[in-house]
Amino acid sequence: MAISKCVSLSPENRLWGNDPGSDFLIDETGCNSTPGFPVAVYLDDVTTSYVNWHWHDEFEAGFVVEGSVAVGCGTSKATLTGGDVFFVNSGVMHSMQNASSPDHAVFKSITFSGSVIGGEQRSVFWQKYLKPILNAANLRSLVLPAGSEHNAAVLSILSDIWELVAREPAHYEVLVRNGLSELFLILLEIREKTGDGKTQNKHSLRQENRLQHLLEFIHAHYGEHITLDDLAGAAAISKTEVMRCFKSVIGKSPIRYLLEYRLQQAANLLLHTDRTVQKIGECCGFEDNSYFTKTFRAMYQVTPTAYRRKG
């Protein structure tokens, strides 16, 4: 199996999704998995790039192999270094980026549907082993630092699964399913030990839900002219609340996020299409080509043309 670079997986966020002419649409899972075996592995070097805020129905688990990676999950933030493990529950917003620029930062991750372990939702496996994790307020996300309880066991499981999916040896599907089942037994043990009485702060959860609506709007309309009023209307909240949601979860203003998202999409188009720089700028929401070039250089340290030439 080809190893993929992770992409933003949020609903309606197909890369360049508001561009019907693109040949590079990526579906909601963004994975090299198949309907019959929905498991995918990723190798991400976020030294100079990042995995944008996204969410998906699949569970995600992974570990840092080099440097340090800042992982955001909803309103919680953590910095992971080599050997640290992370788990992100289904539907939880998350992002990854370099935490110690300009040092190298690399992590491996696995996304998988709960059906691989639980089968269909009426089965005893889904009800007894999947559902408690899906509904666990204390397992919306989890970090197991190197040396902590369960870290060695989980790291070994994830490393084995990653290699199995990447290499596809004989009967690897059965071995991967067994490994994921072992992972969920450990997650259930953690849930029972820490207690499921920990409830998500209602205000934080409300802000995350609102932010998901805001990001969906941006991801679907980033090529258009977007104002703060547009964002407020999309989520049916005030402009002040729009600002508050972005600041509390993402840590930047909505205008800054929109700019960086447009530039990220432009960078992908530069590498994967033969359109002119001006056309790419226009379809990514930049009406002025000189402003596009200036902001692109500020973010990527090279002009759009040089970025394309470097590949």
Protein backbone atom coordinates (compact mmCIF):
# COMPACT_ATOMS: atom_id res chain seq x y z
CA MET A 1 0.00 0.00 0.00
CA ALA A 2 1.22 3.49 -0.79
CA ILE A 3 1.87 5.53 2.34
CA SER A 4 -0.20 8.69 2.33
CA LYS A 5 0.43 12.12 3.65
CA CYS A 6 -2.42 13.04 5.92
CA VAL A 7 -4.89 15.60 4.60
CA SER A 8 -7.71 17.57 6.13
CA LEU A 9 -10.60 15.15 6.54
CA SER A 10 -13.47 17.35 7.70
CA PRO A 11 -16.90 16.93 6.10
CA GLU A 12 -17.28 18.80 2.82
CA ASN A 13 -13.57 19.52 2.88
CA ARG A 14 -12.45 17.86 -0.28
CA LEU A 15 -9.16 19.39 -1.27
CA TRP A 16 -10.01 22.11 -3.75
CA GLY A 17 -13.62 20.99 -3.21
CA ASN A 18 -15.24 24.14 -4.54
CA ASP A 19 -13.50 23.59 -7.84
CA PRO A 20 -15.61 21.13 -9.88
CA GLY A 21 -12.96 20.91 -12.59
CA SER A 22 -10.31 19.42 -10.35
CA ASP A 23 -9.12 15.87 -10.90
CA PHE A 24 -7.73 15.67 -7.40
CA LEU A 25 -10.83 15.45 -5.23
CA ILE A 26 -10.30 13.47 -2.04
CA ASP A 27 -13.28 11.89 -0.31
CA GLU A 28 -14.28 12.39 3.30
CA THR A 29 -12.04 9.68 4.71
CA GLY A 30 -9.00 10.92 2.81
CA CYS A 31 -7.57 7.40 3.21
CA ASN A 32 -6.03 4.69 1.05
CA SER A 33 -8.43 2.29 2.72
CA THR A 34 -11.16 0.27 1.03
CA PRO A 35 -14.84 -0.18 1.92
CA GLY A 36 -14.07 -3.81 2.75
CA PHE A 37 -11.13 -2.91 5.01
CA PRO A 38 -11.37 0.71 6.21
CA VAL A 39 -7.91 1.09 7.75
CA ALA A 40 -5.22 3.48 6.48
CA VAL A 41 -1.76 4.53 7.61
CA TYR A 42 -0.03 7.90 7.25
CA LEU A 43 3.51 9.17 7.52
CA ASP A 44 3.60 12.91 8.13
CA ASP A 45 6.59 15.20 8.15
CA VAL A 46 5.29 18.44 9.66
CA THR A 47 8.69 20.10 9.84
CA THR A 48 7.58 22.88 7.50
CA SER A 49 3.91 21.99 6.95
CA TYR A 50 1.01 21.03 9.18
CA VAL A 51 -2.15 18.95 9.34
CA ASN A 52 -5.02 21.42 9.42
CA TRP A 53 -7.95 21.22 11.82
CA HIS A 54 -10.25 18.39 10.75
CA TRP A 55 -12.51 15.66 12.05
CA HIS A 56 -13.83 12.36 10.76
CA ASP A 57 -15.94 9.37 11.74
CA GLU A 58 -12.86 7.14 11.91
CA PHE A 59 -10.83 6.70 15.09
CA GLU A 60 -7.22 7.86 14.85
CA ALA A 61 -4.16 6.77 16.78
CA GLY A 62 -0.48 7.43 16.25
CA PHE A 63 2.93 8.15 17.67
CA VAL A 64 5.79 10.61 17.20
CA VAL A 65 8.93 9.21 15.59
CA GLU A 66 11.08 12.35 15.43
CA GLY A 67 11.12 15.79 17.01
CA SER A 68 8.10 17.22 18.80
CA VAL A 69 4.56 17.59 17.50
CA ALA A 70 1.85 19.87 18.88
CA VAL A 71 -1.47 18.03 18.85
CA GLY A 72 -4.68 19.95 19.37
CA CYS A 73 -7.90 18.06 20.15
CA GLY A 74 -10.81 20.40 20.66
CA THR A 75 -9.86 22.79 23.43
CA SER A 76 -7.08 20.52 24.77
CA LYS A 77 -3.49 20.91 23.61
CA ALA A 78 -0.44 18.68 24.11
CA THR A 79 3.15 18.57 22.87
CA LEU A 80 4.37 15.06 22.01
CA THR A 81 7.95 13.89 21.52
CA GLY A 82 9.52 10.66 20.29
CA GLY A 83 7.65 7.59 21.50
CA ASP A 84 4.63 9.50 22.80
CA VAL A 85 1.29 8.05 21.71
CA PHE A 86 -2.01 9.78 20.93
CA PHE A 87 -5.60 8.63 20.37
CA VAL A 88 -8.41 10.75 18.89
CA ASN A 89 -12.00 9.60 19.16
CA SER A 90 -14.51 9.62 16.35
CA GLY A 91 -15.79 13.08 15.42
CA VAL A 92 -13.31 15.05 17.56
CA MET A 93 -11.60 18.05 15.95
CA HIS A 94 -7.82 17.81 15.87
CA SER A 95 -4.69 19.20 14.24
CA MET A 96 -0.95 18.51 14.21
CA GLN A 97 2.02 20.81 13.68
CA ASN A 98 5.70 21.21 14.48
CA ALA A 99 6.20 22.22 18.10
CA SER A 100 9.90 23.06 17.83
CA SER A 101 10.52 24.69 14.47
CA PRO A 102 12.91 24.45 12.63
CA ASP A 103 13.71 20.98 14.02
CA HIS A 104 12.36 17.96 12.17
CA ALA A 105 8.97 16.72 13.33
CA VAL A 106 7.54 13.43 12.05
CA PHE A 107 4.71 11.21 13.21
CA LYS A 108 2.92 8.07 12.05
CA SER A 109 -0.82 7.62 12.36
CA ILE A 110 -3.55 5.10 11.69
CA THR A 111 -7.20 5.83 10.93
CA PHE A 112 -9.78 3.08 11.10
CA SER A 113 -13.51 2.56 11.14
CA GLY A 114 -15.06 1.07 14.24
CA SER A 115 -16.64 -1.56 12.03
CA VAL A 116 -13.25 -3.29 11.71
CA ILE A 117 -13.50 -4.26 15.38
CA GLY A 118 -17.20 -4.08 16.13
CA GLY A 119 -18.88 -5.23 12.95
CA GLU A 120 -22.43 -3.97 12.61
CA GLN A 121 -23.90 -1.85 15.39
CA ARG A 122 -26.21 -4.50 16.85
CA SER A 123 -23.36 -6.91 17.48
CA VAL A 124 -22.05 -7.65 20.96
CA PHE A 125 -18.65 -6.39 19.85
CA TRP A 126 -20.01 -2.95 18.94
CA GLN A 127 -22.25 -2.64 21.98
CA LYS A 128 -19.79 -4.03 24.53
CA TYR A 129 -16.44 -2.78 23.24
CA LEU A 130 -16.96 0.07 20.74
CA LYS A 131 -19.88 2.00 22.16
CA PRO A 132 -18.33 2.62 25.61
CA ILE A 133 -15.28 4.20 23.96
CA LEU A 134 -17.37 6.26 21.55
CA ASN A 135 -19.38 7.65 24.47
CA ALA A 136 -16.51 8.09 26.93
CA ALA A 137 -16.17 11.75 27.87
CA ASN A 138 -12.70 11.03 29.26
CA LEU A 139 -11.54 9.48 25.97
CA ARG A 140 -12.39 12.17 23.46
CA SER A 141 -8.61 12.29 23.13
CA LEU A 142 -5.77 10.63 24.97
CA VAL A 143 -2.01 11.11 25.24
CA LEU A 144 0.26 8.41 26.63
CA PRO A 145 3.76 9.86 27.16
CA ALA A 146 6.77 7.58 26.79
CA GLY A 147 7.37 5.72 30.03
CA SER A 148 3.80 6.07 31.26
CA GLU A 149 1.51 3.16 32.04
CA HIS A 150 0.21 1.46 28.86
CA ASN A 151 2.53 3.47 26.60
CA ALA A 152 4.86 0.59 25.74
CA ALA A 153 1.99 -1.81 25.01
CA VAL A 154 0.07 0.69 22.87
CA LEU A 155 3.18 1.84 21.02
CA SER A 156 4.02 -1.77 20.17
CA ILE A 157 0.49 -2.44 18.93
CA LEU A 158 0.38 0.70 16.79
CA SER A 159 3.87 0.11 15.36
CA ASP A 160 2.91 -3.44 14.35
CA ILE A 161 -0.38 -2.33 12.79
CA TRP A 162 1.32 0.47 10.88
CA GLU A 163 3.88 -1.92 9.35
CA LEU A 164 1.23 -4.54 8.55
CA VAL A 165 -0.98 -2.08 6.66
CA ALA A 166 2.02 -0.55 4.91
CA ARG A 167 3.48 -3.87 3.76
CA GLU A 168 0.33 -6.00 3.39
CA PRO A 169 1.80 -9.44 4.15
CA ALA A 170 -0.36 -12.56 3.98
CA HIS A 171 -3.43 -12.44 6.25
CA TYR A 172 -2.52 -8.94 7.44
CA GLU A 173 -6.18 -7.93 7.75
CA VAL A 174 -6.76 -10.50 10.50
CA LEU A 175 -3.61 -9.43 12.32
CA VAL A 176 -4.59 -5.75 12.09
CA ARG A 177 -8.06 -6.47 13.43
CA ASN A 178 -6.56 -8.43 16.32
CA GLY A 179 -4.20 -5.54 17.09
CA LEU A 180 -6.99 -2.98 17.07
CA SER A 181 -9.04 -5.22 19.37
CA GLU A 182 -6.10 -5.30 21.80
CA LEU A 183 -5.90 -1.52 21.61
CA PHE A 184 -9.56 -1.16 22.54
CA LEU A 185 -9.19 -3.53 25.48
CA ILE A 186 -6.48 -1.21 26.82
CA LEU A 187 -8.68 1.85 26.17
CA LEU A 188 -11.51 0.18 28.09
CA GLU A 189 -9.12 -0.48 30.97
CA ILE A 190 -8.05 3.18 30.96
CA ARG A 191 -11.69 4.27 30.88
CA GLU A 192 -12.54 2.07 33.86
CA LYS A 193 -9.49 3.17 35.87
CA THR A 194 -9.95 6.88 35.30
CA GLY A 195 -13.72 6.71 35.62
CA ASP A 196 -16.21 7.95 33.10
CA GLY A 197 -17.52 10.57 35.47
CA LYS A 198 -15.38 13.22 33.79
CA THR A 199 -17.77 15.22 31.66
CA GLN A 200 -16.87 17.50 28.84
CA ASN A 201 -17.25 21.15 29.76
CA LYS A 202 -20.55 22.11 28.12
CA HIS A 203 -19.28 25.53 27.13
CA SER A 204 -16.15 24.08 25.50
CA LEU A 205 -18.18 21.43 23.69
CA ARG A 206 -20.60 24.07 22.43
CA GLN A 207 -17.71 26.15 21.12
CA GLU A 208 -16.22 23.12 19.35
CA ASN A 209 -19.56 22.36 17.70
CA ARG A 210 -19.92 25.96 16.57
CA LEU A 211 -16.38 25.97 15.26
CA GLN A 212 -17.09 22.87 13.19
CA HIS A 213 -19.90 24.74 11.45
CA LEU A 214 -17.60 27.70 10.87
CA LEU A 215 -14.82 25.54 9.43
CA GLU A 216 -17.26 23.68 7.19
CA PHE A 217 -18.34 27.04 5.77
CA ILE A 218 -14.77 28.20 5.21
CA HIS A 219 -13.71 24.90 3.64
CA ALA A 220 -16.65 25.00 1.25
CA HIS A 221 -16.40 28.69 0.32
CA TYR A 222 -12.75 29.71 0.79
CA GLY A 223 -12.51 30.70 -2.89
CA GLU A 224 -15.24 33.28 -2.41
CA HIS A 225 -15.30 36.62 -0.62
CA ILE A 226 -15.96 35.82 3.05
CA THR A 227 -16.63 38.36 5.78
CA LEU A 228 -17.06 38.06 9.52
CA ASP A 229 -20.77 38.65 8.97
CA ASP A 230 -20.86 35.65 6.61
CA LEU A 231 -19.28 33.43 9.25
CA ALA A 232 -21.63 34.65 11.97
CA GLY A 233 -24.60 33.95 9.73
CA ALA A 234 -23.35 30.48 8.82
CA ALA A 235 -23.23 29.41 12.49
CA ALA A 236 -26.16 31.58 13.64
CA ILE A 237 -24.04 33.31 16.29
CA SER A 238 -22.69 36.80 16.86
CA LYS A 239 -19.46 38.08 15.35
CA THR A 240 -18.04 38.31 18.86
CA GLU A 241 -18.78 34.63 19.42
CA VAL A 242 -17.13 33.76 16.08
CA MET A 243 -13.95 35.46 17.27
CA ARG A 244 -14.18 33.76 20.67
CA CYS A 245 -14.61 30.28 19.16
CA PHE A 246 -11.54 30.62 16.94
CA LYS A 247 -9.39 32.09 19.67
CA SER A 248 -10.31 29.54 22.34
CA VAL A 249 -9.95 26.42 20.18
CA ILE A 250 -7.58 27.25 17.31
CA GLY A 251 -5.73 30.12 18.90
CA LYS A 252 -5.97 32.51 15.96
CA SER A 253 -8.51 34.85 14.43
CA PRO A 254 -10.96 33.61 11.78
CA ILE A 255 -9.41 35.95 9.23
CA ARG A 256 -5.95 34.54 9.90
CA TYR A 257 -7.24 30.99 9.67
CA LEU A 258 -9.00 31.76 6.38
CA LEU A 259 -5.82 33.27 4.94
CA GLU A 260 -3.67 30.29 5.94
CA TYR A 261 -6.25 27.83 4.65
CA ARG A 262 -6.37 29.60 1.28
CA LEU A 263 -2.58 29.50 1.07
CA GLN A 264 -2.51 25.82 1.99
CA GLN A 265 -4.97 25.02 -0.80
CA ALA A 266 -3.00 27.19 -3.22
CA ALA A 267 0.19 25.29 -2.37
CA ASN A 268 -1.53 22.00 -3.19
CA LEU A 269 -2.80 23.35 -6.49
CA LEU A 270 0.66 24.60 -7.42
CA LEU A 271 2.06 21.12 -7.00
CA HIS A 272 -0.76 19.13 -8.57
CA THR A 273 -2.12 21.23 -11.42
CA ASP A 274 -0.67 23.14 -14.33
CA ARG A 275 -2.82 26.23 -13.85
CA THR A 276 -1.19 29.61 -13.85
CA VAL A 277 -0.19 31.19 -10.57
CA GLN A 278 -2.70 33.96 -11.14
CA LYS A 279 -5.54 31.52 -11.78
CA ILE A 280 -4.68 29.55 -8.65
CA GLY A 281 -4.65 32.72 -6.59
CA GLU A 282 -8.04 33.72 -7.94
CA CYS A 283 -9.70 30.36 -7.29
CA CYS A 284 -8.33 30.40 -3.75
CA GLY A 285 -9.91 33.74 -2.94
CA PHE A 286 -7.07 36.16 -3.78
CA GLU A 287 -8.37 38.94 -6.01
CA ASP A 288 -4.99 40.65 -6.24
CA ASN A 289 -2.08 38.59 -7.61
CA SER A 290 0.62 40.70 -5.97
CA TYR A 291 -1.05 40.27 -2.56
CA PHE A 292 -1.26 36.52 -3.18
CA THR A 293 2.46 36.38 -3.97
CA LYS A 294 3.35 38.49 -0.96
CA THR A 295 1.33 36.45 1.55
CA PHE A 296 2.42 33.14 0.02
CA ARG A 297 6.08 34.12 0.36
CA ALA A 298 5.49 35.16 3.97
CA MET A 299 4.12 31.71 4.80
CA TYR A 300 6.31 29.44 2.65
CA GLN A 301 9.47 31.59 2.37
CA VAL A 302 9.38 31.34 -1.44
CA THR A 303 7.20 32.74 -4.20
CA PRO A 304 4.42 30.57 -5.67
CA THR A 305 6.47 30.05 -8.83
CA ALA A 306 9.55 28.95 -6.87
CA TYR A 307 7.41 26.66 -4.70
CA ARG A 308 6.08 24.94 -7.80
CA ARG A 309 9.56 24.66 -9.30
CA LYS A 310 10.92 23.05 -6.12
CA GLY A 311 8.07 20.55 -6.15
